[in-house]
N, C-alpha and C. Protein backbone atom coordinates (compact mmCIF):
# COMPACT_ATOMS: atom_id res chain seq x y z
N UNK A 1 0.65 22.74 -63.03
CA UNK A 1 0.61 22.79 -61.58
C UNK A 1 -0.81 22.47 -61.12
N UNK A 2 -0.97 21.61 -60.14
CA UNK A 2 -2.27 21.18 -59.65
C UNK A 2 -2.81 22.10 -58.58
N UNK A 3 -3.91 21.68 -57.93
CA UNK A 3 -4.48 22.51 -56.87
C UNK A 3 -3.50 22.68 -55.71
N UNK A 4 -3.60 23.82 -55.07
CA UNK A 4 -2.67 24.17 -54.00
C UNK A 4 -3.38 24.04 -52.66
N UNK A 5 -2.76 23.34 -51.74
CA UNK A 5 -3.31 23.22 -50.40
C UNK A 5 -2.70 24.33 -49.56
N UNK A 6 -3.50 25.35 -49.26
CA UNK A 6 -3.00 26.51 -48.55
C UNK A 6 -2.54 26.15 -47.13
N UNK A 7 -3.19 25.20 -46.51
CA UNK A 7 -2.80 24.81 -45.15
C UNK A 7 -1.39 24.23 -45.15
N UNK A 8 -1.08 23.42 -46.16
CA UNK A 8 0.28 22.85 -46.23
C UNK A 8 1.31 23.93 -46.51
N UNK A 9 0.97 24.86 -47.40
CA UNK A 9 1.90 25.94 -47.72
C UNK A 9 2.15 26.79 -46.47
N UNK A 10 1.09 27.11 -45.72
CA UNK A 10 1.25 27.89 -44.49
C UNK A 10 2.10 27.15 -43.46
N UNK A 11 1.88 25.83 -43.33
CA UNK A 11 2.69 25.04 -42.39
C UNK A 11 4.15 25.04 -42.79
N UNK A 12 4.43 24.91 -44.08
CA UNK A 12 5.81 24.92 -44.55
C UNK A 12 6.45 26.29 -44.30
N UNK A 13 5.71 27.36 -44.53
CA UNK A 13 6.25 28.70 -44.29
C UNK A 13 6.48 28.95 -42.79
N UNK A 14 5.58 28.43 -41.94
CA UNK A 14 5.78 28.57 -40.49
C UNK A 14 7.08 27.89 -40.07
N UNK A 15 7.32 26.69 -40.59
CA UNK A 15 8.55 25.96 -40.25
C UNK A 15 9.78 26.68 -40.79
N UNK A 16 9.66 27.23 -41.98
CA UNK A 16 10.80 27.93 -42.58
C UNK A 16 11.14 29.19 -41.80
N UNK A 17 10.14 29.87 -41.27
CA UNK A 17 10.40 31.08 -40.47
C UNK A 17 11.03 30.73 -39.13
N UNK A 18 10.74 29.55 -38.61
CA UNK A 18 11.34 29.11 -37.36
C UNK A 18 10.67 29.65 -36.12
N UNK A 19 10.00 30.78 -36.21
CA UNK A 19 9.38 31.39 -35.04
C UNK A 19 7.96 30.90 -34.84
N UNK A 20 7.48 30.02 -35.71
CA UNK A 20 6.12 29.50 -35.67
C UNK A 20 5.08 30.62 -35.70
N UNK A 21 5.43 31.73 -36.37
CA UNK A 21 4.47 32.81 -36.55
C UNK A 21 3.67 32.54 -37.81
N UNK A 22 2.45 33.01 -37.81
CA UNK A 22 1.59 32.85 -38.98
C UNK A 22 2.18 33.65 -40.13
N UNK A 23 2.37 33.03 -41.31
CA UNK A 23 2.94 33.77 -42.44
C UNK A 23 1.97 34.83 -42.93
N UNK A 24 2.52 35.91 -43.46
CA UNK A 24 1.71 37.01 -43.98
C UNK A 24 1.06 36.60 -45.29
N UNK A 25 0.02 37.31 -45.66
CA UNK A 25 -0.73 36.99 -46.87
C UNK A 25 0.11 37.02 -48.12
N UNK A 26 1.01 38.00 -48.23
CA UNK A 26 1.80 38.11 -49.44
C UNK A 26 2.85 37.00 -49.52
N UNK A 27 3.36 36.55 -48.39
CA UNK A 27 4.29 35.41 -48.40
C UNK A 27 3.61 34.18 -48.98
N UNK A 28 2.37 33.96 -48.58
CA UNK A 28 1.61 32.81 -49.09
C UNK A 28 1.33 33.01 -50.57
N UNK A 29 1.00 34.24 -50.97
CA UNK A 29 0.75 34.54 -52.38
C UNK A 29 1.96 34.17 -53.22
N UNK A 30 3.14 34.59 -52.80
CA UNK A 30 4.36 34.29 -53.55
C UNK A 30 4.64 32.79 -53.54
N UNK A 31 4.49 32.16 -52.38
CA UNK A 31 4.79 30.72 -52.27
C UNK A 31 3.85 29.88 -53.13
N UNK A 32 2.62 30.31 -53.29
CA UNK A 32 1.67 29.52 -54.08
C UNK A 32 1.78 29.80 -55.57
N UNK A 33 2.52 30.81 -55.94
CA UNK A 33 2.64 31.14 -57.36
C UNK A 33 4.04 30.94 -57.90
N UNK A 34 4.87 30.28 -57.17
CA UNK A 34 6.21 29.95 -57.67
C UNK A 34 6.29 28.44 -57.85
N UNK A 35 7.15 28.03 -58.78
CA UNK A 35 7.31 26.59 -58.96
C UNK A 35 8.30 26.05 -57.95
N UNK A 36 8.57 24.81 -58.03
CA UNK A 36 9.42 24.19 -57.00
C UNK A 36 10.86 24.66 -57.06
N UNK A 37 11.26 25.18 -58.17
CA UNK A 37 12.63 25.69 -58.30
C UNK A 37 12.73 27.14 -57.86
N UNK A 38 11.61 27.69 -57.33
CA UNK A 38 11.52 29.05 -56.81
C UNK A 38 11.73 30.10 -57.91
N UNK A 39 11.28 29.78 -59.12
CA UNK A 39 11.29 30.77 -60.18
C UNK A 39 9.86 31.26 -60.36
N UNK A 40 9.69 32.57 -60.64
CA UNK A 40 8.36 33.14 -60.82
C UNK A 40 7.72 32.52 -62.07
N UNK A 41 6.40 32.29 -62.01
CA UNK A 41 5.71 31.62 -63.10
C UNK A 41 5.37 32.54 -64.27
N UNK A 42 4.84 33.71 -63.97
CA UNK A 42 4.42 34.56 -65.08
C UNK A 42 4.70 36.03 -64.77
N UNK A 43 4.45 36.88 -65.77
CA UNK A 43 4.73 38.30 -65.64
C UNK A 43 3.76 38.99 -64.69
N UNK A 44 2.50 38.52 -64.63
CA UNK A 44 1.51 39.14 -63.74
C UNK A 44 1.93 38.99 -62.28
N UNK A 45 2.45 37.83 -61.95
CA UNK A 45 2.90 37.60 -60.57
C UNK A 45 4.09 38.49 -60.26
N UNK A 46 5.03 38.59 -61.22
CA UNK A 46 6.21 39.43 -61.01
C UNK A 46 5.80 40.90 -60.89
N UNK A 47 4.84 41.32 -61.68
CA UNK A 47 4.35 42.70 -61.60
C UNK A 47 3.71 42.96 -60.23
N UNK A 48 2.91 42.01 -59.74
CA UNK A 48 2.27 42.15 -58.43
C UNK A 48 3.32 42.25 -57.33
N UNK A 49 4.38 41.47 -57.45
CA UNK A 49 5.46 41.50 -56.45
C UNK A 49 6.14 42.87 -56.48
N UNK A 50 6.42 43.39 -57.67
CA UNK A 50 7.07 44.70 -57.79
C UNK A 50 6.20 45.81 -57.21
N UNK A 51 4.90 45.79 -57.52
CA UNK A 51 3.99 46.80 -57.00
C UNK A 51 3.92 46.70 -55.47
N UNK A 52 3.85 45.49 -54.97
CA UNK A 52 3.78 45.28 -53.51
C UNK A 52 5.03 45.85 -52.84
N UNK A 53 6.20 45.54 -53.38
CA UNK A 53 7.45 46.03 -52.79
C UNK A 53 7.55 47.54 -52.85
N UNK A 54 7.08 48.15 -53.96
CA UNK A 54 7.14 49.61 -54.06
C UNK A 54 6.18 50.26 -53.06
N UNK A 55 5.03 49.66 -52.83
CA UNK A 55 4.09 50.21 -51.84
C UNK A 55 4.66 50.09 -50.43
N UNK A 56 5.33 48.99 -50.16
CA UNK A 56 5.96 48.84 -48.83
C UNK A 56 7.09 49.85 -48.67
N UNK A 57 7.84 50.08 -49.72
CA UNK A 57 8.94 51.05 -49.65
C UNK A 57 8.41 52.47 -49.42
N UNK A 58 7.18 52.74 -49.89
CA UNK A 58 6.60 54.07 -49.69
C UNK A 58 6.03 54.25 -48.28
N UNK A 59 6.06 53.20 -47.47
CA UNK A 59 5.67 53.34 -46.06
C UNK A 59 4.38 52.63 -45.68
N UNK A 60 3.74 51.95 -46.60
CA UNK A 60 2.52 51.21 -46.25
C UNK A 60 2.89 49.93 -45.50
N UNK A 61 2.00 49.53 -44.61
CA UNK A 61 2.23 48.25 -43.93
C UNK A 61 1.96 47.11 -44.90
N UNK A 62 2.37 45.94 -44.52
CA UNK A 62 2.21 44.78 -45.40
C UNK A 62 0.74 44.49 -45.67
N UNK A 63 -0.11 44.63 -44.63
CA UNK A 63 -1.54 44.38 -44.81
C UNK A 63 -2.17 45.42 -45.72
N UNK A 64 -1.80 46.71 -45.52
CA UNK A 64 -2.35 47.77 -46.37
C UNK A 64 -1.94 47.60 -47.82
N UNK A 65 -0.66 47.26 -48.05
CA UNK A 65 -0.18 47.06 -49.41
C UNK A 65 -0.89 45.88 -50.07
N UNK A 66 -1.09 44.81 -49.32
CA UNK A 66 -1.77 43.62 -49.86
C UNK A 66 -3.21 43.96 -50.22
N UNK A 67 -3.90 44.69 -49.35
CA UNK A 67 -5.29 45.05 -49.60
C UNK A 67 -5.41 46.03 -50.77
N UNK A 68 -4.51 46.99 -50.86
CA UNK A 68 -4.59 47.94 -51.96
C UNK A 68 -4.25 47.27 -53.29
N UNK A 69 -3.42 46.26 -53.29
CA UNK A 69 -3.05 45.56 -54.51
C UNK A 69 -4.17 44.64 -54.99
N UNK A 70 -4.81 43.92 -54.08
CA UNK A 70 -5.81 42.92 -54.47
C UNK A 70 -7.25 43.33 -54.15
N UNK A 71 -7.44 44.41 -53.45
CA UNK A 71 -8.78 44.86 -53.12
C UNK A 71 -9.26 44.27 -51.81
N UNK A 72 -10.45 44.74 -51.44
CA UNK A 72 -11.02 44.30 -50.17
C UNK A 72 -11.46 42.85 -50.27
N UNK A 73 -11.40 42.14 -49.14
CA UNK A 73 -11.83 40.73 -49.11
C UNK A 73 -13.31 40.62 -49.38
N UNK A 74 -13.68 39.60 -50.11
CA UNK A 74 -15.09 39.33 -50.40
C UNK A 74 -15.73 38.66 -49.18
N UNK A 75 -17.02 38.89 -48.95
CA UNK A 75 -17.67 38.25 -47.80
C UNK A 75 -17.63 36.72 -47.92
N UNK A 76 -17.32 36.09 -46.82
CA UNK A 76 -17.34 34.62 -46.78
C UNK A 76 -16.05 33.96 -47.24
N UNK A 77 -15.02 34.74 -47.48
CA UNK A 77 -13.74 34.12 -47.86
C UNK A 77 -12.58 35.04 -47.49
N UNK A 78 -11.39 34.46 -47.45
CA UNK A 78 -10.18 35.20 -47.17
C UNK A 78 -9.12 34.72 -48.15
N UNK A 79 -8.45 35.65 -48.79
CA UNK A 79 -7.43 35.27 -49.77
C UNK A 79 -6.29 34.50 -49.11
N UNK A 80 -5.78 33.55 -49.86
CA UNK A 80 -4.61 32.75 -49.49
C UNK A 80 -4.84 31.87 -48.26
N UNK A 81 -6.09 31.54 -47.97
CA UNK A 81 -6.40 30.62 -46.88
C UNK A 81 -7.17 29.40 -47.36
N UNK A 82 -7.64 29.40 -48.58
CA UNK A 82 -8.42 28.29 -49.09
C UNK A 82 -9.89 28.62 -49.13
N UNK A 83 -10.69 27.68 -49.62
CA UNK A 83 -12.10 27.95 -49.86
C UNK A 83 -12.95 27.96 -48.60
N UNK A 84 -12.62 27.20 -47.60
CA UNK A 84 -13.52 27.04 -46.46
C UNK A 84 -13.21 27.95 -45.28
N UNK A 85 -12.21 28.81 -45.39
CA UNK A 85 -11.83 29.68 -44.28
C UNK A 85 -12.50 31.04 -44.44
N UNK A 86 -13.09 31.54 -43.33
CA UNK A 86 -13.73 32.85 -43.33
C UNK A 86 -13.07 33.74 -42.28
N UNK A 87 -13.45 35.03 -42.28
CA UNK A 87 -12.92 35.95 -41.28
C UNK A 87 -13.27 35.49 -39.87
N UNK A 88 -14.48 34.93 -39.71
CA UNK A 88 -14.90 34.44 -38.40
C UNK A 88 -13.99 33.32 -37.92
N UNK A 89 -13.63 32.42 -38.85
CA UNK A 89 -12.73 31.33 -38.49
C UNK A 89 -11.38 31.87 -38.03
N UNK A 90 -10.88 32.89 -38.70
CA UNK A 90 -9.59 33.48 -38.32
C UNK A 90 -9.67 34.15 -36.95
N UNK A 91 -10.78 34.84 -36.68
CA UNK A 91 -10.94 35.46 -35.36
C UNK A 91 -10.99 34.40 -34.27
N UNK A 92 -11.74 33.32 -34.54
CA UNK A 92 -11.82 32.24 -33.55
C UNK A 92 -10.44 31.63 -33.32
N UNK A 93 -9.70 31.45 -34.42
CA UNK A 93 -8.36 30.87 -34.32
C UNK A 93 -7.44 31.79 -33.51
N UNK A 94 -7.64 33.10 -33.62
CA UNK A 94 -6.83 34.05 -32.85
C UNK A 94 -7.27 34.08 -31.39
N UNK A 95 -8.55 33.83 -31.12
CA UNK A 95 -9.06 33.89 -29.75
C UNK A 95 -8.69 32.65 -28.94
N UNK A 96 -8.52 31.52 -29.59
CA UNK A 96 -8.25 30.27 -28.88
C UNK A 96 -6.99 30.35 -28.03
N UNK A 97 -5.85 30.83 -28.53
CA UNK A 97 -4.67 30.92 -27.66
C UNK A 97 -4.89 31.84 -26.46
N UNK A 98 -5.63 32.93 -26.65
CA UNK A 98 -5.90 33.83 -25.52
C UNK A 98 -6.75 33.13 -24.47
N UNK A 99 -7.74 32.37 -24.92
CA UNK A 99 -8.58 31.63 -23.98
C UNK A 99 -7.77 30.55 -23.27
N UNK A 100 -6.91 29.87 -24.01
CA UNK A 100 -6.06 28.85 -23.39
C UNK A 100 -5.13 29.46 -22.35
N UNK A 101 -4.58 30.63 -22.67
CA UNK A 101 -3.69 31.29 -21.71
C UNK A 101 -4.46 31.71 -20.46
N UNK A 102 -5.66 32.24 -20.65
CA UNK A 102 -6.49 32.63 -19.51
C UNK A 102 -6.83 31.41 -18.66
N UNK A 103 -7.16 30.31 -19.32
CA UNK A 103 -7.47 29.07 -18.60
C UNK A 103 -6.26 28.60 -17.82
N UNK A 104 -5.09 28.66 -18.44
CA UNK A 104 -3.87 28.23 -17.75
C UNK A 104 -3.59 29.10 -16.53
N UNK A 105 -3.83 30.40 -16.65
CA UNK A 105 -3.63 31.30 -15.50
C UNK A 105 -4.60 30.97 -14.38
N UNK A 106 -5.86 30.67 -14.74
CA UNK A 106 -6.84 30.30 -13.72
C UNK A 106 -6.46 28.99 -13.04
N UNK A 107 -5.99 28.03 -13.83
CA UNK A 107 -5.56 26.75 -13.26
C UNK A 107 -4.38 26.97 -12.32
N UNK A 108 -3.43 27.79 -12.74
CA UNK A 108 -2.28 28.08 -11.88
C UNK A 108 -2.70 28.76 -10.58
N UNK A 109 -3.64 29.70 -10.68
CA UNK A 109 -4.12 30.38 -9.47
C UNK A 109 -4.82 29.40 -8.55
N UNK A 110 -5.64 28.51 -9.12
CA UNK A 110 -6.33 27.52 -8.29
C UNK A 110 -5.36 26.53 -7.66
N UNK A 111 -4.33 26.14 -8.40
CA UNK A 111 -3.33 25.25 -7.84
C UNK A 111 -2.57 25.92 -6.71
N UNK A 112 -2.30 27.21 -6.87
CA UNK A 112 -1.63 27.96 -5.81
C UNK A 112 -2.52 28.04 -4.57
N UNK A 113 -3.81 28.34 -4.79
CA UNK A 113 -4.74 28.39 -3.65
C UNK A 113 -4.84 27.04 -2.97
N UNK A 114 -4.87 25.97 -3.77
CA UNK A 114 -4.94 24.62 -3.20
C UNK A 114 -3.71 24.33 -2.37
N UNK A 115 -2.55 24.72 -2.87
CA UNK A 115 -1.32 24.53 -2.09
C UNK A 115 -1.34 25.29 -0.78
N UNK A 116 -1.85 26.54 -0.84
CA UNK A 116 -1.96 27.34 0.38
C UNK A 116 -2.93 26.70 1.37
N UNK A 117 -4.05 26.19 0.85
CA UNK A 117 -5.04 25.56 1.72
C UNK A 117 -4.49 24.28 2.34
N UNK A 118 -3.71 23.53 1.57
CA UNK A 118 -3.11 22.31 2.11
C UNK A 118 -2.10 22.65 3.19
N UNK A 119 -1.33 23.71 3.00
CA UNK A 119 -0.38 24.14 4.02
C UNK A 119 -1.12 24.57 5.28
N UNK A 120 -2.20 25.33 5.10
CA UNK A 120 -3.00 25.77 6.23
C UNK A 120 -3.63 24.58 6.95
N UNK A 121 -4.11 23.61 6.20
CA UNK A 121 -4.69 22.42 6.80
C UNK A 121 -3.64 21.64 7.60
N UNK A 122 -2.44 21.56 7.07
CA UNK A 122 -1.36 20.88 7.78
C UNK A 122 -1.04 21.59 9.10
N UNK A 123 -1.01 22.93 9.05
CA UNK A 123 -0.75 23.68 10.27
C UNK A 123 -1.86 23.49 11.29
N UNK A 124 -3.10 23.47 10.84
CA UNK A 124 -4.23 23.25 11.74
C UNK A 124 -4.18 21.85 12.33
N UNK A 125 -3.79 20.86 11.54
CA UNK A 125 -3.69 19.50 12.05
C UNK A 125 -2.61 19.42 13.14
N UNK A 126 -1.51 20.13 12.93
CA UNK A 126 -0.45 20.14 13.94
C UNK A 126 -0.93 20.84 15.22
N UNK A 127 -1.69 21.93 15.07
CA UNK A 127 -2.23 22.63 16.23
C UNK A 127 -3.21 21.74 16.99
N UNK A 128 -4.07 21.04 16.27
CA UNK A 128 -5.04 20.13 16.91
C UNK A 128 -4.31 19.02 17.64
N UNK A 129 -3.25 18.49 17.03
CA UNK A 129 -2.48 17.44 17.69
C UNK A 129 -1.87 17.97 18.99
N UNK A 130 -1.33 19.20 18.94
CA UNK A 130 -0.76 19.80 20.16
C UNK A 130 -1.83 20.03 21.22
N UNK A 131 -2.99 20.51 20.83
CA UNK A 131 -4.07 20.73 21.80
C UNK A 131 -4.55 19.40 22.39
N UNK A 132 -4.60 18.39 21.58
CA UNK A 132 -5.03 17.07 22.06
C UNK A 132 -4.04 16.54 23.11
N UNK A 133 -2.75 16.74 22.84
CA UNK A 133 -1.74 16.31 23.82
C UNK A 133 -1.89 17.10 25.13
N UNK A 134 -2.19 18.41 25.00
CA UNK A 134 -2.36 19.24 26.18
C UNK A 134 -3.59 18.80 26.99
N UNK A 135 -4.70 18.52 26.31
CA UNK A 135 -5.92 18.06 27.00
C UNK A 135 -5.64 16.73 27.70
N UNK A 136 -4.92 15.85 27.04
CA UNK A 136 -4.60 14.55 27.64
C UNK A 136 -3.76 14.76 28.90
N UNK A 137 -2.78 15.66 28.82
CA UNK A 137 -1.93 15.93 29.98
C UNK A 137 -2.77 16.50 31.14
N UNK A 138 -3.65 17.45 30.82
CA UNK A 138 -4.51 18.02 31.87
C UNK A 138 -5.44 16.96 32.47
N UNK A 139 -5.96 16.09 31.62
CA UNK A 139 -6.84 15.03 32.07
C UNK A 139 -6.10 14.07 33.00
N UNK A 140 -4.88 13.71 32.62
CA UNK A 140 -4.09 12.79 33.45
C UNK A 140 -3.69 13.44 34.78
N UNK A 141 -3.47 14.74 34.80
CA UNK A 141 -3.11 15.42 36.04
C UNK A 141 -4.32 15.58 36.95
N UNK A 142 -5.49 15.79 36.34
CA UNK A 142 -6.69 15.96 37.17
C UNK A 142 -7.19 14.61 37.69
N UNK A 143 -6.96 13.57 36.99
CA UNK A 143 -7.34 12.21 37.41
C UNK A 143 -6.08 11.34 37.46
N UNK A 144 -5.33 11.38 38.55
CA UNK A 144 -4.05 10.65 38.60
C UNK A 144 -4.21 9.14 38.47
N UNK A 145 -5.36 8.58 38.84
CA UNK A 145 -5.52 7.13 38.76
C UNK A 145 -5.85 6.67 37.34
N UNK A 146 -6.10 7.58 36.43
CA UNK A 146 -6.45 7.21 35.05
C UNK A 146 -5.18 6.82 34.30
N UNK A 147 -5.27 5.73 33.56
CA UNK A 147 -4.14 5.28 32.75
C UNK A 147 -4.12 6.07 31.43
N UNK A 148 -2.95 6.23 30.79
CA UNK A 148 -2.86 6.97 29.52
C UNK A 148 -3.74 6.36 28.42
N UNK A 149 -3.90 5.01 28.43
CA UNK A 149 -4.73 4.37 27.42
C UNK A 149 -6.20 4.78 27.58
N UNK A 150 -6.63 4.90 28.83
CA UNK A 150 -8.00 5.31 29.11
C UNK A 150 -8.23 6.76 28.66
N UNK A 151 -7.22 7.61 28.89
CA UNK A 151 -7.33 9.00 28.47
C UNK A 151 -7.41 9.09 26.94
N UNK A 152 -6.61 8.27 26.24
CA UNK A 152 -6.67 8.24 24.78
C UNK A 152 -8.05 7.79 24.30
N UNK A 153 -8.59 6.75 24.94
CA UNK A 153 -9.91 6.25 24.56
C UNK A 153 -10.98 7.31 24.82
N UNK A 154 -10.89 8.00 25.95
CA UNK A 154 -11.85 9.05 26.28
C UNK A 154 -11.79 10.19 25.25
N UNK A 155 -10.57 10.60 24.88
CA UNK A 155 -10.42 11.65 23.87
C UNK A 155 -10.93 11.19 22.51
N UNK A 156 -10.69 9.93 22.18
CA UNK A 156 -11.16 9.39 20.90
C UNK A 156 -12.68 9.38 20.85
N UNK A 157 -13.32 8.94 21.94
CA UNK A 157 -14.79 8.94 22.00
C UNK A 157 -15.34 10.36 21.93
N UNK A 158 -14.70 11.28 22.62
CA UNK A 158 -15.16 12.67 22.62
C UNK A 158 -15.02 13.29 21.23
N UNK A 159 -14.00 12.87 20.50
CA UNK A 159 -13.78 13.41 19.17
C UNK A 159 -14.86 12.95 18.19
N UNK A 160 -15.33 11.72 18.34
CA UNK A 160 -16.29 11.17 17.40
C UNK A 160 -17.74 11.35 17.82
N UNK A 161 -18.00 11.83 19.02
CA UNK A 161 -19.38 12.04 19.46
C UNK A 161 -19.82 13.44 19.08
N UNK A 162 -21.15 13.64 18.94
CA UNK A 162 -21.62 14.99 18.61
C UNK A 162 -21.36 15.95 19.76
N UNK A 163 -21.13 17.19 19.41
CA UNK A 163 -20.81 18.19 20.42
C UNK A 163 -22.11 18.60 21.12
N UNK A 164 -22.17 18.30 22.43
CA UNK A 164 -23.32 18.68 23.24
C UNK A 164 -22.80 18.86 24.66
N UNK A 165 -22.88 20.06 25.18
CA UNK A 165 -22.31 20.35 26.49
C UNK A 165 -23.00 19.55 27.58
N UNK A 166 -24.27 19.26 27.46
CA UNK A 166 -25.00 18.56 28.51
C UNK A 166 -24.82 17.05 28.44
N UNK A 167 -24.40 16.52 27.32
CA UNK A 167 -24.32 15.06 27.20
C UNK A 167 -23.18 14.46 28.01
N UNK A 168 -22.11 15.17 28.18
CA UNK A 168 -20.96 14.61 28.87
C UNK A 168 -21.09 14.71 30.39
N UNK A 169 -21.62 15.81 30.87
CA UNK A 169 -21.62 16.03 32.31
C UNK A 169 -23.00 15.98 32.94
N UNK A 170 -24.01 15.80 32.18
CA UNK A 170 -25.35 15.80 32.74
C UNK A 170 -25.86 17.22 32.91
N UNK A 171 -27.05 17.36 33.40
CA UNK A 171 -27.67 18.66 33.55
C UNK A 171 -27.10 19.37 34.76
N UNK A 172 -27.06 20.68 34.70
CA UNK A 172 -26.56 21.47 35.84
C UNK A 172 -27.68 21.78 36.82
N UNK A 173 -28.93 21.48 36.45
CA UNK A 173 -30.06 21.70 37.34
C UNK A 173 -30.36 20.43 38.12
N UNK A 174 -30.77 20.63 39.31
CA UNK A 174 -31.15 19.47 40.14
C UNK A 174 -32.50 18.97 39.66
N UNK A 175 -32.65 17.68 39.54
CA UNK A 175 -33.94 17.17 39.09
C UNK A 175 -35.03 17.49 40.11
N UNK A 176 -36.21 17.65 39.66
CA UNK A 176 -37.36 18.00 40.49
C UNK A 176 -38.09 16.71 40.86
N UNK A 177 -37.51 15.94 41.79
CA UNK A 177 -38.06 14.63 42.13
C UNK A 177 -39.01 14.73 43.31
N UNK A 178 -40.28 14.81 43.02
CA UNK A 178 -41.28 14.77 44.05
C UNK A 178 -41.33 15.99 44.94
N UNK A 179 -40.57 17.01 44.67
CA UNK A 179 -40.58 18.21 45.48
C UNK A 179 -41.58 19.17 44.86
N UNK A 180 -42.47 19.61 45.69
CA UNK A 180 -43.46 20.54 45.21
C UNK A 180 -42.84 21.93 45.20
N UNK A 181 -43.53 22.83 44.57
CA UNK A 181 -43.03 24.20 44.51
C UNK A 181 -42.90 24.75 45.94
N UNK A 182 -41.91 25.53 46.17
CA UNK A 182 -41.65 26.10 47.49
C UNK A 182 -42.82 26.96 47.93
N UNK A 183 -43.43 27.67 47.02
CA UNK A 183 -44.54 28.54 47.34
C UNK A 183 -45.75 27.72 47.79
N UNK A 184 -45.94 26.55 47.22
CA UNK A 184 -47.07 25.71 47.61
C UNK A 184 -46.86 25.19 49.03
N UNK A 185 -45.67 24.87 49.37
CA UNK A 185 -45.38 24.29 50.70
C UNK A 185 -45.55 25.39 51.76
N UNK A 186 -45.05 26.55 51.48
CA UNK A 186 -45.12 27.61 52.46
C UNK A 186 -46.53 28.18 52.57
N UNK A 187 -47.29 28.12 51.51
CA UNK A 187 -48.63 28.69 51.53
C UNK A 187 -49.62 27.86 52.32
N UNK A 188 -49.43 26.60 52.55
CA UNK A 188 -50.39 25.75 53.24
C UNK A 188 -50.30 25.85 54.70
């Protein structure tokens, strides 16, 4: 039997389980130590399987039974994952789906907010259109000789010009054209 690619064995076990759950360590151990006809290779493997099953029957979890059978993991490696996989890699691999789910929730929330803002913008546009029609009607009633096209042009110009109360109607103060101060006139 040649070298075993743990990633391929894990992928095959994930497909066989159907739930796409990560296979347990002992499942990979058994899968990597059996031949293609699914017969156990040696007595040591069969003994390990028997001890593992008896520990599980006594109430230990699968992880506890696996650790008690093979000992604690050595630093920088994880059993049944291959040479280049570490505990840090496994933690990162476990964190990625959580981060993706959080990102998806944020995207959904932002899309919802965008939809709400677009609805609000549509309502505001409708209100502005109604106010514009009302201003046009008031303008036409106050100036009966004005044609509707002129009122539209006036509203269009007012919409695109900067807002300045004095620019449209002129100053409310009378210009001081050559008139001296009242006090100066009366004092002489």
